[in-house]
């Protein structure tokens, strides 16, 4: 059977979701971690083999840049969902390569795992989504999510720099004009006897680093919280 016929043969119902960057999507007929879903994945390998190819769930070291980039983009997408929305996803990327290690097709199985801090209850979660890609569609997916990850990384770096700048500015103020009640990275200022400040250490400092309840330290050593 050709690629379109294979997609039709995969158990599940057709859905639409622009996030997958492909119009060929199905909600699997089988839940995660079930024999049925495993068989669906195996069927991709069988289809690939009948077309003279070899399937794998990791890009071949000699494989196309598209496959390697798709693999990275899928991980980036899951990372974005976790960092930005607190949603957990797991995924499997299945690649079919021809005899010259050129990408023929991709089947991508993505499973929603619930919110980051919520209990994992697979029976209450939707069945995985199965997405199908030609090499051209895989390249479009790759470009989209790698670009989004680059944007997210740059935004994170800018925010980290802003926090560092604020911390440096507040540290200068803290050391030049400290006040009782000022917060430091280690705890709170509870008394001042220049050039010393009495720091009441936070519970974290006491538990993790064995700090005493309080301690006199040089004012010049005070550091503002980040």
Protein backbone atom coordinates (compact mmCIF):
# COMPACT_ATOMS: atom_id res chain seq x y z
CA UNK A 1 0.00 0.00 0.00
CA UNK A 2 1.14 3.57 -0.58
CA UNK A 3 1.65 6.19 2.15
CA UNK A 4 -1.92 7.49 1.98
CA UNK A 5 -3.33 3.96 2.19
CA UNK A 6 -1.10 3.20 5.17
CA UNK A 7 -2.40 6.27 6.99
CA UNK A 8 -5.95 5.12 6.32
CA UNK A 9 -5.14 1.68 7.73
CA UNK A 10 -3.91 3.02 11.08
CA UNK A 11 -6.63 2.56 13.74
CA UNK A 12 -8.00 5.87 14.94
CA UNK A 13 -10.17 8.83 14.03
CA UNK A 14 -9.09 11.77 11.89
CA UNK A 15 -8.62 15.03 13.79
CA UNK A 16 -7.32 18.51 13.12
CA UNK A 17 -4.67 20.33 15.17
CA UNK A 18 -2.54 23.07 13.66
CA UNK A 19 0.19 22.55 16.26
CA UNK A 20 1.30 19.37 14.51
CA UNK A 21 2.04 21.23 11.28
CA UNK A 22 0.46 18.48 9.17
CA UNK A 23 -3.06 17.82 7.97
CA UNK A 24 -2.78 14.04 8.37
CA UNK A 25 -3.59 13.39 12.03
CA UNK A 26 -5.41 10.71 13.95
CA UNK A 27 -6.50 10.21 17.52
CA UNK A 28 -5.33 6.68 18.17
CA UNK A 29 -7.89 3.97 18.78
CA UNK A 30 -5.58 2.68 21.51
CA UNK A 31 -4.46 4.29 24.74
CA UNK A 32 -0.84 4.77 25.71
CA UNK A 33 1.21 1.78 26.86
CA UNK A 34 -1.16 -0.79 25.36
CA UNK A 35 -0.49 -3.68 22.96
CA UNK A 36 -2.70 -1.98 20.39
CA UNK A 37 -0.56 1.14 20.30
CA UNK A 38 2.60 -0.97 20.16
CA UNK A 39 1.14 -2.81 17.17
CA UNK A 40 0.37 0.49 15.48
CA UNK A 41 4.00 1.50 15.85
CA UNK A 42 5.16 -1.89 14.58
CA UNK A 43 2.94 -1.53 11.52
CA UNK A 44 4.97 1.50 10.46
CA UNK A 45 8.11 -0.64 10.46
CA UNK A 46 6.35 -3.28 8.38
CA UNK A 47 5.14 -0.67 5.88
CA UNK A 48 8.64 0.78 5.64
CA UNK A 49 10.17 -2.64 5.04
CA UNK A 50 7.73 -3.48 2.24
CA UNK A 51 8.89 -0.29 0.51
CA UNK A 52 12.54 -1.29 0.74
CA UNK A 53 13.30 0.88 3.72
CA UNK A 54 14.44 0.53 7.30
CA UNK A 55 12.61 2.03 10.27
CA UNK A 56 14.08 3.40 13.47
CA UNK A 57 12.95 5.50 16.42
CA UNK A 58 16.15 7.55 16.41
CA UNK A 59 17.75 9.34 13.44
CA UNK A 60 20.50 7.36 11.77
CA UNK A 61 23.93 8.84 12.32
CA UNK A 62 24.27 8.98 8.56
CA UNK A 63 20.65 10.02 8.11
CA UNK A 64 19.29 13.20 6.64
CA UNK A 65 19.46 16.49 8.45
CA UNK A 66 15.66 16.63 8.32
CA UNK A 67 15.29 13.49 10.47
CA UNK A 68 17.83 14.63 13.03
CA UNK A 69 16.27 18.09 13.17
CA UNK A 70 12.76 16.63 13.45
CA UNK A 71 13.86 14.57 16.45
CA UNK A 72 15.28 17.68 18.13
CA UNK A 73 12.22 19.77 17.23
CA UNK A 74 9.85 17.22 18.76
CA UNK A 75 11.81 17.35 22.02
CA UNK A 76 11.82 21.15 21.86
CA UNK A 77 8.03 21.19 21.45
CA UNK A 78 7.55 19.03 24.56
CA UNK A 79 9.98 21.23 26.45
CA UNK A 80 8.05 24.35 25.44
CA UNK A 81 4.76 22.88 26.64
CA UNK A 82 6.29 21.91 29.97
CA UNK A 83 8.09 25.20 30.61
CA UNK A 84 5.43 27.58 29.32
CA UNK A 85 2.21 25.75 30.29
CA UNK A 86 3.25 23.05 32.76
CA UNK A 87 1.89 20.29 30.50
CA UNK A 88 3.70 16.98 30.18
CA UNK A 89 4.02 15.21 26.85
CA UNK A 90 5.95 12.17 25.73
CA UNK A 91 6.51 11.26 22.12
CA UNK A 92 8.00 8.70 19.78
CA UNK A 93 9.33 9.67 16.37
CA UNK A 94 9.45 6.78 13.89
CA UNK A 95 11.52 7.31 10.75
CA UNK A 96 11.62 5.33 7.51
CA UNK A 97 14.87 5.55 5.52
CA UNK A 98 15.53 4.13 2.09
CA UNK A 99 18.66 2.22 1.10
CA UNK A 100 20.59 5.45 0.66
CA UNK A 101 19.62 6.64 4.15
CA UNK A 102 17.24 9.21 2.70
CA UNK A 103 14.10 9.95 4.69
CA UNK A 104 10.94 8.48 3.20
CA UNK A 105 8.32 9.15 5.90
CA UNK A 106 7.79 9.93 9.59
CA UNK A 107 5.13 8.69 11.99
CA UNK A 108 5.00 10.70 15.19
CA UNK A 109 3.11 9.45 18.26
CA UNK A 110 2.51 12.06 20.96
CA UNK A 111 0.96 11.32 24.34
CA UNK A 112 -0.42 13.85 26.81
CA UNK A 113 0.69 13.13 30.38
CA UNK A 114 -1.28 15.74 32.34
CA UNK A 115 -0.07 18.78 34.25
CA UNK A 116 3.43 18.89 35.71
CA UNK A 117 2.43 18.72 39.38
CA UNK A 118 -0.65 16.56 38.93
CA UNK A 119 -0.87 12.86 39.58
CA UNK A 120 -0.30 10.74 36.47
CA UNK A 121 -3.54 8.91 35.71
CA UNK A 122 -3.25 7.45 32.19
CA UNK A 123 -6.77 5.98 32.17
CA UNK A 124 -8.21 9.48 32.47
CA UNK A 125 -6.09 11.00 29.72
CA UNK A 126 -6.91 11.15 26.00
CA UNK A 127 -5.47 8.55 23.65
CA UNK A 128 -2.26 9.54 21.86
CA UNK A 129 -2.26 11.55 18.66
CA UNK A 130 -0.57 10.00 15.63
CA UNK A 131 0.81 12.40 13.02
CA UNK A 132 2.10 11.45 9.59
CA UNK A 133 4.72 13.39 7.63
CA UNK A 134 6.30 13.32 4.22
CA UNK A 135 9.92 14.57 4.21
CA UNK A 136 8.67 17.99 3.11
CA UNK A 137 6.11 18.17 5.92
CA UNK A 138 8.75 16.98 8.41
CA UNK A 139 11.00 19.83 7.32
CA UNK A 140 8.19 22.35 7.89
CA UNK A 141 7.55 20.92 11.38
CA UNK A 142 11.28 21.13 12.11
CA UNK A 143 11.63 24.73 10.99
CA UNK A 144 8.59 25.82 13.00
CA UNK A 145 9.50 24.29 16.37
CA UNK A 146 13.22 24.90 16.18
CA UNK A 147 12.46 28.58 15.46
CA UNK A 148 10.06 28.70 18.43
CA UNK A 149 12.67 27.10 20.68
CA UNK A 150 15.26 29.63 19.54
CA UNK A 151 12.82 32.45 20.34
CA UNK A 152 12.05 30.94 23.76
CA UNK A 153 15.74 30.53 24.53
CA UNK A 154 16.48 34.11 23.55
CA UNK A 155 13.57 35.39 25.66
CA UNK A 156 14.80 33.33 28.62
CA UNK A 157 18.30 34.74 28.23
CA UNK A 158 16.95 38.29 28.12
CA UNK A 159 14.88 37.74 31.26
CA UNK A 160 17.84 36.15 33.03
CA UNK A 161 19.97 39.17 32.15
CA UNK A 162 17.27 41.53 33.45
CA UNK A 163 17.16 39.63 36.75
CA UNK A 164 20.94 39.73 37.00
CA UNK A 165 20.97 43.47 36.37
CA UNK A 166 18.29 44.06 39.01
CA UNK A 167 20.17 41.90 41.50
CA UNK A 168 23.43 43.77 40.86
CA UNK A 169 21.71 47.13 41.32
CA UNK A 170 19.98 46.07 44.54
CA UNK A 171 23.21 44.53 45.87
CA UNK A 172 24.98 47.86 45.42
CA UNK A 173 22.18 49.60 47.33
CA UNK A 174 22.19 46.90 50.02
CA UNK A 175 25.92 47.29 50.66
CA UNK A 176 25.93 51.09 50.59
CA UNK A 177 22.76 51.73 52.63
CA UNK A 178 21.54 48.56 54.36
CA UNK A 179 18.41 48.62 56.53
CA UNK A 180 16.98 46.30 59.13
CA UNK A 181 14.41 44.15 57.35
CA UNK A 182 16.32 44.01 54.06
CA UNK A 183 16.18 40.63 52.34
CA UNK A 184 19.45 39.09 51.20
CA UNK A 185 20.17 35.95 49.25
CA UNK A 186 20.85 34.17 52.55
CA UNK A 187 18.17 35.60 54.82
CA UNK A 188 16.97 38.83 56.43
CA UNK A 189 18.94 41.66 58.07
CA UNK A 190 17.82 41.83 61.72
CA UNK A 191 20.45 44.19 63.15
CA UNK A 192 23.20 46.50 61.98
CA UNK A 193 26.53 47.39 63.61
CA UNK A 194 28.62 48.71 60.72
CA UNK A 195 30.70 47.29 59.26
CA UNK A 196 28.69 44.20 60.27
CA UNK A 197 25.12 43.07 59.69
CA UNK A 198 23.29 40.38 61.66
CA UNK A 199 21.67 37.96 59.24
CA UNK A 200 18.86 35.66 60.29
CA UNK A 201 19.37 32.77 57.91
CA UNK A 202 16.51 31.30 55.94
CA UNK A 203 15.27 27.81 56.67
CA UNK A 204 16.81 26.65 53.39
CA UNK A 205 20.24 27.92 54.41
CA UNK A 206 19.97 26.25 57.79
CA UNK A 207 18.76 22.91 56.50
CA UNK A 208 20.85 22.56 53.37
CA UNK A 209 24.07 24.32 54.37
CA UNK A 210 24.10 23.95 58.15
CA UNK A 211 23.96 27.67 58.82
CA UNK A 212 23.20 28.87 62.37
CA UNK A 213 19.99 30.68 63.26
CA UNK A 214 21.79 34.02 62.79
CA UNK A 215 25.30 35.32 62.21
CA UNK A 216 27.21 38.60 61.99
CA UNK A 217 28.70 39.09 58.53
CA UNK A 218 30.46 42.00 56.76
CA UNK A 219 28.04 44.38 55.12
CA UNK A 220 30.27 44.26 52.04
CA UNK A 221 29.41 40.55 51.67
CA UNK A 222 25.64 41.07 51.46
CA UNK A 223 24.02 40.00 48.18
CA UNK A 224 20.47 40.79 47.11
CA UNK A 225 18.11 37.95 46.19
CA UNK A 226 17.86 37.03 42.53
